[in-house]
PDB file of N, CA and C in Angstrom:
ATOM      1  N   MET A   1       3.759  53.221  77.028  1.00  0.00           N
ATOM      2  CA  MET A   1       2.328  52.999  76.763  1.00  0.00           C
ATOM      3  C   MET A   1       1.530  54.053  77.551  1.00  0.00           C
ATOM      4  N   ARG A   2       0.637  54.751  76.879  1.00  0.00           N
ATOM      5  CA  ARG A   2      -0.229  55.704  77.505  1.00  0.00           C
ATOM      6  C   ARG A   2      -1.436  54.997  78.014  1.00  0.00           C
ATOM      7  N   LYS A   3      -1.944  55.429  79.122  1.00  0.00           N
ATOM      8  CA  LYS A   3      -3.200  54.898  79.680  1.00  0.00           C
ATOM      9  C   LYS A   3      -4.105  56.064  80.041  1.00  0.00           C
ATOM     10  N   LEU A   4      -5.145  56.179  79.286  1.00  0.00           N
ATOM     11  CA  LEU A   4      -6.122  57.292  79.477  1.00  0.00           C
ATOM     12  C   LEU A   4      -7.160  56.902  80.608  1.00  0.00           C
ATOM     13  N   PHE A   5      -7.375  55.645  80.771  1.00  0.00           N
ATOM     14  CA  PHE A   5      -8.393  55.209  81.740  1.00  0.00           C
ATOM     15  C   PHE A   5      -7.767  54.251  82.669  1.00  0.00           C
ATOM     16  N   ARG A   6      -8.410  54.175  83.873  1.00  0.00           N
ATOM     17  CA  ARG A   6      -7.969  53.260  84.924  1.00  0.00           C
ATOM     18  C   ARG A   6      -8.917  52.112  85.032  1.00  0.00           C
ATOM     19  N   LYS A   7      -8.536  51.050  85.655  1.00  0.00           N
ATOM     20  CA  LYS A   7      -9.390  49.870  85.883  1.00  0.00           C
ATOM     21  C   LYS A   7     -10.563  50.280  86.771  1.00  0.00           C
ATOM     22  N   GLY A   8     -11.798  49.888  86.329  1.00  0.00           N
ATOM     23  CA  GLY A   8     -12.975  50.185  87.079  1.00  0.00           C
ATOM     24  C   GLY A   8     -13.643  51.525  86.732  1.00  0.00           C
ATOM     25  N   GLU A   9     -13.016  52.265  85.844  1.00  0.00           N
ATOM     26  CA  GLU A   9     -13.547  53.586  85.432  1.00  0.00           C
ATOM     27  C   GLU A   9     -14.636  53.408  84.389  1.00  0.00           C
ATOM     28  N   ARG A  10     -15.643  54.290  84.447  1.00  0.00           N
ATOM     29  CA  ARG A  10     -16.765  54.265  83.512  1.00  0.00           C
ATOM     30  C   ARG A  10     -16.385  55.066  82.296  1.00  0.00           C
ATOM     31  N   VAL A  11     -16.582  54.498  81.119  1.00  0.00           N
ATOM     32  CA  VAL A  11     -16.259  55.148  79.877  1.00  0.00           C
ATOM     33  C   VAL A  11     -17.464  55.029  78.935  1.00  0.00           C
ATOM     34  N   ARG A  12     -17.526  55.918  77.936  1.00  0.00           N
ATOM     35  CA  ARG A  12     -18.607  55.919  76.948  1.00  0.00           C
ATOM     36  C   ARG A  12     -17.993  55.590  75.607  1.00  0.00           C
ATOM     37  N   SER A  13     -18.645  54.674  74.869  1.00  0.00           N
ATOM     38  CA  SER A  13     -18.232  54.299  73.538  1.00  0.00           C
ATOM     39  C   SER A  13     -18.617  55.410  72.566  1.00  0.00           C
ATOM     40  N   LYS A  14     -17.646  55.798  71.715  1.00  0.00           N
ATOM     41  CA  LYS A  14     -17.952  56.759  70.666  1.00  0.00           C
ATOM     42  C   LYS A  14     -18.710  56.082  69.505  1.00  0.00           C
ATOM     43  N   ILE A  15     -18.719  54.784  69.448  1.00  0.00           N
ATOM     44  CA  ILE A  15     -19.340  54.080  68.329  1.00  0.00           C
ATOM     45  C   ILE A  15     -20.846  54.060  68.523  1.00  0.00           C
ATOM     46  N   ASP A  16     -21.338  53.574  69.678  1.00  0.00           N
ATOM     47  CA  ASP A  16     -22.781  53.445  69.860  1.00  0.00           C
ATOM     48  C   ASP A  16     -23.277  54.133  71.085  1.00  0.00           C
ATOM     49  N   GLY A  17     -22.440  54.767  71.913  1.00  0.00           N
ATOM     50  CA  GLY A  17     -22.884  55.583  73.049  1.00  0.00           C
ATOM     51  C   GLY A  17     -23.151  54.775  74.305  1.00  0.00           C
ATOM     52  N   LYS A  18     -22.770  53.473  74.338  1.00  0.00           N
ATOM     53  CA  LYS A  18     -22.971  52.690  75.574  1.00  0.00           C
ATOM     54  C   LYS A  18     -21.974  53.054  76.629  1.00  0.00           C
ATOM     55  N   VAL A  19     -22.444  53.016  77.900  1.00  0.00           N
ATOM     56  CA  VAL A  19     -21.573  53.228  79.019  1.00  0.00           C
ATOM     57  C   VAL A  19     -21.000  51.890  79.402  1.00  0.00           C
ATOM     58  N   MET A  20     -19.646  51.852  79.561  1.00  0.00           N
ATOM     59  CA  MET A  20     -18.955  50.575  79.837  1.00  0.00           C
ATOM     60  C   MET A  20     -18.043  50.772  80.988  1.00  0.00           C
ATOM     61  N   GLU A  21     -17.499  49.689  81.531  1.00  0.00           N
ATOM     62  CA  GLU A  21     -16.580  49.706  82.603  1.00  0.00           C
ATOM     63  C   GLU A  21     -15.223  49.092  82.119  1.00  0.00           C
ATOM     64  N   VAL A  22     -14.111  49.752  82.418  1.00  0.00           N
ATOM     65  CA  VAL A  22     -12.799  49.233  81.949  1.00  0.00           C
ATOM     66  C   VAL A  22     -12.404  48.083  82.870  1.00  0.00           C
ATOM     67  N   LEU A  23     -12.076  46.953  82.241  1.00  0.00           N
ATOM     68  CA  LEU A  23     -11.556  45.796  82.991  1.00  0.00           C
ATOM     69  C   LEU A  23     -10.058  45.787  83.073  1.00  0.00           C
ATOM     70  N   LYS A  24      -9.399  45.927  81.896  1.00  0.00           N
ATOM     71  CA  LYS A  24      -7.934  45.905  81.834  1.00  0.00           C
ATOM     72  C   LYS A  24      -7.427  46.284  80.496  1.00  0.00           C
ATOM     73  N   TYR A  25      -6.143  46.655  80.452  1.00  0.00           N
ATOM     74  CA  TYR A  25      -5.450  46.964  79.206  1.00  0.00           C
ATOM     75  C   TYR A  25      -4.839  45.685  78.721  1.00  0.00           C
ATOM     76  N   LEU A  26      -5.032  45.425  77.390  1.00  0.00           N
ATOM     77  CA  LEU A  26      -4.449  44.205  76.789  1.00  0.00           C
ATOM     78  C   LEU A  26      -3.147  44.504  76.076  1.00  0.00           C
ATOM     79  N   LYS A  27      -3.149  45.499  75.230  1.00  0.00           N
ATOM     80  CA  LYS A  27      -1.995  45.960  74.537  1.00  0.00           C
ATOM     81  C   LYS A  27      -1.832  47.451  74.729  1.00  0.00           C
ATOM     82  N   SER A  28      -0.997  48.051  73.926  1.00  0.00           N
ATOM     83  CA  SER A  28      -0.753  49.519  74.119  1.00  0.00           C
ATOM     84  C   SER A  28      -2.021  50.346  73.814  1.00  0.00           C
ATOM     85  N   ASN A  29      -2.903  49.869  72.957  1.00  0.00           N
ATOM     86  CA  ASN A  29      -4.002  50.703  72.563  1.00  0.00           C
ATOM     87  C   ASN A  29      -5.377  49.940  72.645  1.00  0.00           C
ATOM     88  N   LEU A  30      -5.314  48.761  73.254  1.00  0.00           N
ATOM     89  CA  LEU A  30      -6.484  47.869  73.281  1.00  0.00           C
ATOM     90  C   LEU A  30      -6.970  47.729  74.738  1.00  0.00           C
ATOM     91  N   VAL A  31      -8.274  47.961  74.938  1.00  0.00           N
ATOM     92  CA  VAL A  31      -8.867  47.925  76.308  1.00  0.00           C
ATOM     93  C   VAL A  31     -10.004  46.868  76.308  1.00  0.00           C
ATOM     94  N   GLU A  32     -10.041  46.068  77.404  1.00  0.00           N
ATOM     95  CA  GLU A  32     -11.132  45.146  77.579  1.00  0.00           C
ATOM     96  C   GLU A  32     -12.195  45.802  78.455  1.00  0.00           C
ATOM     97  N   VAL A  33     -13.439  45.878  77.998  1.00  0.00           N
ATOM     98  CA  VAL A  33     -14.513  46.529  78.679  1.00  0.00           C
ATOM     99  C   VAL A  33     -15.676  45.584  78.872  1.00  0.00           C
ATOM    100  N   LYS A  34     -16.565  45.906  79.838  1.00  0.00           N
ATOM    101  CA  LYS A  34     -17.794  45.102  80.022  1.00  0.00           C
ATOM    102  C   LYS A  34     -18.953  46.095  80.169  1.00  0.00           C
ATOM    103  N   TRP A  35     -20.155  45.626  79.769  1.00  0.00           N
ATOM    104  CA  TRP A  35     -21.360  46.393  79.894  1.00  0.00           C
ATOM    105  C   TRP A  35     -22.527  45.435  80.032  1.00  0.00           C
ATOM    106  N   PHE A  36     -23.633  45.945  80.500  1.00  0.00           N
ATOM    107  CA  PHE A  36     -24.831  45.152  80.681  1.00  0.00           C
ATOM    108  C   PHE A  36     -25.735  45.325  79.450  1.00  0.00           C
ATOM    109  N   ASP A  37     -26.039  44.231  78.802  1.00  0.00           N
ATOM    110  CA  ASP A  37     -26.885  44.233  77.639  1.00  0.00           C
ATOM    111  C   ASP A  37     -28.367  44.124  78.100  1.00  0.00           C
ATOM    112  N   LEU A  38     -29.133  45.174  77.843  1.00  0.00           N
ATOM    113  CA  LEU A  38     -30.529  45.198  78.321  1.00  0.00           C
ATOM    114  C   LEU A  38     -31.431  44.221  77.585  1.00  0.00           C
ATOM    115  N   ASP A  39     -31.139  43.947  76.293  1.00  0.00           N
ATOM    116  CA  ASP A  39     -31.964  43.061  75.512  1.00  0.00           C
ATOM    117  C   ASP A  39     -31.920  41.610  76.032  1.00  0.00           C
ATOM    118  N   SER A  40     -30.696  41.123  76.226  1.00  0.00           N
ATOM    119  CA  SER A  40     -30.559  39.739  76.686  1.00  0.00           C
ATOM    120  C   SER A  40     -30.396  39.615  78.169  1.00  0.00           C
ATOM    121  N   LYS A  41     -30.223  40.735  78.883  1.00  0.00           N
ATOM    122  CA  LYS A  41     -30.026  40.787  80.315  1.00  0.00           C
ATOM    123  C   LYS A  41     -28.806  40.037  80.753  1.00  0.00           C
ATOM    124  N   GLU A  42     -27.693  40.249  80.018  1.00  0.00           N
ATOM    125  CA  GLU A  42     -26.435  39.606  80.313  1.00  0.00           C
ATOM    126  C   GLU A  42     -25.328  40.640  80.379  1.00  0.00           C
ATOM    127  N   VAL A  43     -24.242  40.281  81.063  1.00  0.00           N
ATOM    128  CA  VAL A  43     -23.058  41.100  81.047  1.00  0.00           C
ATOM    129  C   VAL A  43     -22.199  40.691  79.864  1.00  0.00           C
ATOM    130  N   ARG A  44     -21.822  41.613  79.015  1.00  0.00           N
ATOM    131  CA  ARG A  44     -21.046  41.349  77.838  1.00  0.00           C
ATOM    132  C   ARG A  44     -19.652  41.915  78.003  1.00  0.00           C
ATOM    133  N   MET A  45     -18.632  41.290  77.360  1.00  0.00           N
ATOM    134  CA  MET A  45     -17.287  41.784  77.349  1.00  0.00           C
ATOM    135  C   MET A  45     -16.833  41.959  75.914  1.00  0.00           C
ATOM    136  N   LYS A  46     -16.008  42.982  75.731  1.00  0.00           N
ATOM    137  CA  LYS A  46     -15.554  43.257  74.392  1.00  0.00           C
ATOM    138  C   LYS A  46     -14.151  43.963  74.446  1.00  0.00           C
ATOM    139  N   LYS A  47     -13.389  43.817  73.426  1.00  0.00           N
ATOM    140  CA  LYS A  47     -12.071  44.461  73.318  1.00  0.00           C
ATOM    141  C   LYS A  47     -12.266  45.628  72.336  1.00  0.00           C
ATOM    142  N   ILE A  48     -11.931  46.849  72.740  1.00  0.00           N
ATOM    143  CA  ILE A  48     -12.108  48.045  71.971  1.00  0.00           C
ATOM    144  C   ILE A  48     -10.817  48.858  72.014  1.00  0.00           C
ATOM    145  N   LYS A  49     -10.554  49.553  70.894  1.00  0.00           N
ATOM    146  CA  LYS A  49      -9.398  50.429  70.871  1.00  0.00           C
ATOM    147  C   LYS A  49      -9.642  51.647  71.765  1.00  0.00           C
ATOM    148  N   GLU A  50      -8.621  52.097  72.373  1.00  0.00           N
ATOM    149  CA  GLU A  50      -8.708  53.216  73.319  1.00  0.00           C
ATOM    150  C   GLU A  50      -9.222  54.499  72.672  1.00  0.00           C
ATOM    151  N   ASP A  51      -8.972  54.652  71.397  1.00  0.00           N
ATOM    152  CA  ASP A  51      -9.356  55.867  70.645  1.00  0.00           C
ATOM    153  C   ASP A  51     -10.883  55.966  70.499  1.00  0.00           C
ATOM    154  N   LYS A  52     -11.547  54.837  70.571  1.00  0.00           N
ATOM    155  CA  LYS A  52     -13.048  54.806  70.419  1.00  0.00           C
ATOM    156  C   LYS A  52     -13.791  55.022  71.695  1.00  0.00           C
ATOM    157  N   LEU A  53     -13.087  55.317  72.804  1.00  0.00           N
ATOM    158  CA  LEU A  53     -13.705  55.538  74.086  1.00  0.00           C
ATOM    159  C   LEU A  53     -13.458  56.962  74.598  1.00  0.00           C
ATOM    160  N   SER A  54     -14.413  57.486  75.386  1.00  0.00           N
ATOM    161  CA  SER A  54     -14.236  58.770  76.040  1.00  0.00           C
ATOM    162  C   SER A  54     -14.764  58.584  77.476  1.00  0.00           C
ATOM    163  N   LYS A  55     -14.392  59.568  78.348  1.00  0.00           N
ATOM    164  CA  LYS A  55     -14.780  59.502  79.734  1.00  0.00           C
ATOM    165  C   LYS A  55     -16.341  59.695  79.848  1.00  0.00           C
ATOM    166  N   ALA A  56     -16.983  58.949  80.660  1.00  0.00           N
ATOM    167  CA  ALA A  56     -18.428  59.060  80.871  1.00  0.00           C
ATOM    168  C   ALA A  56     -18.714  60.212  81.861  1.00  0.00           C
ATOM    169  N   ALA A  57     -19.725  60.996  81.601  1.00  0.00           N
ATOM    170  CA  ALA A  57     -20.064  62.050  82.515  1.00  0.00           C
ATOM    171  C   ALA A  57     -20.820  61.570  83.703  1.00  0.00           C
TER     172      ALA A  57
END
Protein backbone atom coordinates (compact mmCIF):
# COMPACT_ATOMS: atom_id res chain seq x y z
CA MET A 1 0.00 0.00 0.00
CA ARG A 2 1.42 3.36 -1.00
CA LYS A 3 1.00 6.31 1.31
CA LEU A 4 1.54 9.73 -0.20
CA PHE A 5 0.47 11.65 2.90
CA ARG A 6 1.11 11.28 6.61
CA LYS A 7 -1.30 11.76 9.49
CA GLY A 8 -1.71 15.44 10.36
CA GLU A 9 -0.43 16.67 7.00
CA ARG A 10 -2.24 19.50 5.18
CA VAL A 11 -3.53 18.56 1.73
CA ARG A 12 -5.53 20.38 -0.93
CA SER A 13 -8.55 18.84 -2.63
CA LYS A 14 -8.36 18.76 -6.44
CA ILE A 15 -12.17 18.73 -6.56
CA ASP A 16 -12.99 22.05 -4.85
CA GLY A 17 -9.65 23.44 -3.65
CA LYS A 18 -10.30 23.17 0.10
CA VAL A 19 -7.36 22.72 2.44
CA MET A 20 -7.85 19.65 4.63
CA GLU A 21 -5.97 17.69 7.27
CA VAL A 22 -5.29 13.96 6.93
CA LEU A 23 -6.74 11.93 9.80
CA LYS A 24 -5.99 8.35 8.74
CA TYR A 25 -5.84 5.86 5.89
CA LEU A 26 -8.87 3.58 5.67
CA LYS A 27 -8.03 1.35 2.71
CA SER A 28 -5.24 1.24 0.17
CA ASN A 29 -6.45 4.35 -1.67
CA LEU A 30 -9.00 5.91 0.71
CA VAL A 31 -8.12 8.72 3.14
CA GLU A 32 -10.21 10.24 5.92
CA VAL A 33 -9.80 14.02 6.07
CA LYS A 34 -11.25 16.89 8.09
CA TRP A 35 -11.73 20.57 7.34
CA PHE A 36 -13.45 23.59 8.82
CA ASP A 37 -16.67 24.60 7.07
CA LEU A 38 -16.91 28.41 7.13
CA ASP A 39 -20.62 28.52 6.32
CA SER A 40 -21.83 26.40 9.22
CA LYS A 41 -18.75 26.99 11.42
CA GLU A 42 -18.27 23.26 12.04
CA VAL A 43 -15.49 20.74 11.55
CA ARG A 44 -16.46 18.30 8.81
CA MET A 45 -15.04 14.85 8.05
CA LYS A 46 -15.04 13.07 4.72
CA LYS A 47 -13.53 10.04 3.02
CA ILE A 48 -11.75 10.89 -0.25
CA LYS A 49 -9.66 8.89 -2.69
CA GLU A 50 -5.96 9.62 -2.45
CA ASP A 51 -5.82 10.51 -6.17
CA LYS A 52 -8.10 13.52 -5.60
CA LEU A 53 -5.65 15.15 -3.13
CA SER A 54 -2.39 17.04 -3.54
CA LYS A 55 0.06 18.55 -1.06
CA ALA A 56 -0.92 22.00 0.18
CA ALA A 57 1.62 24.77 -0.32
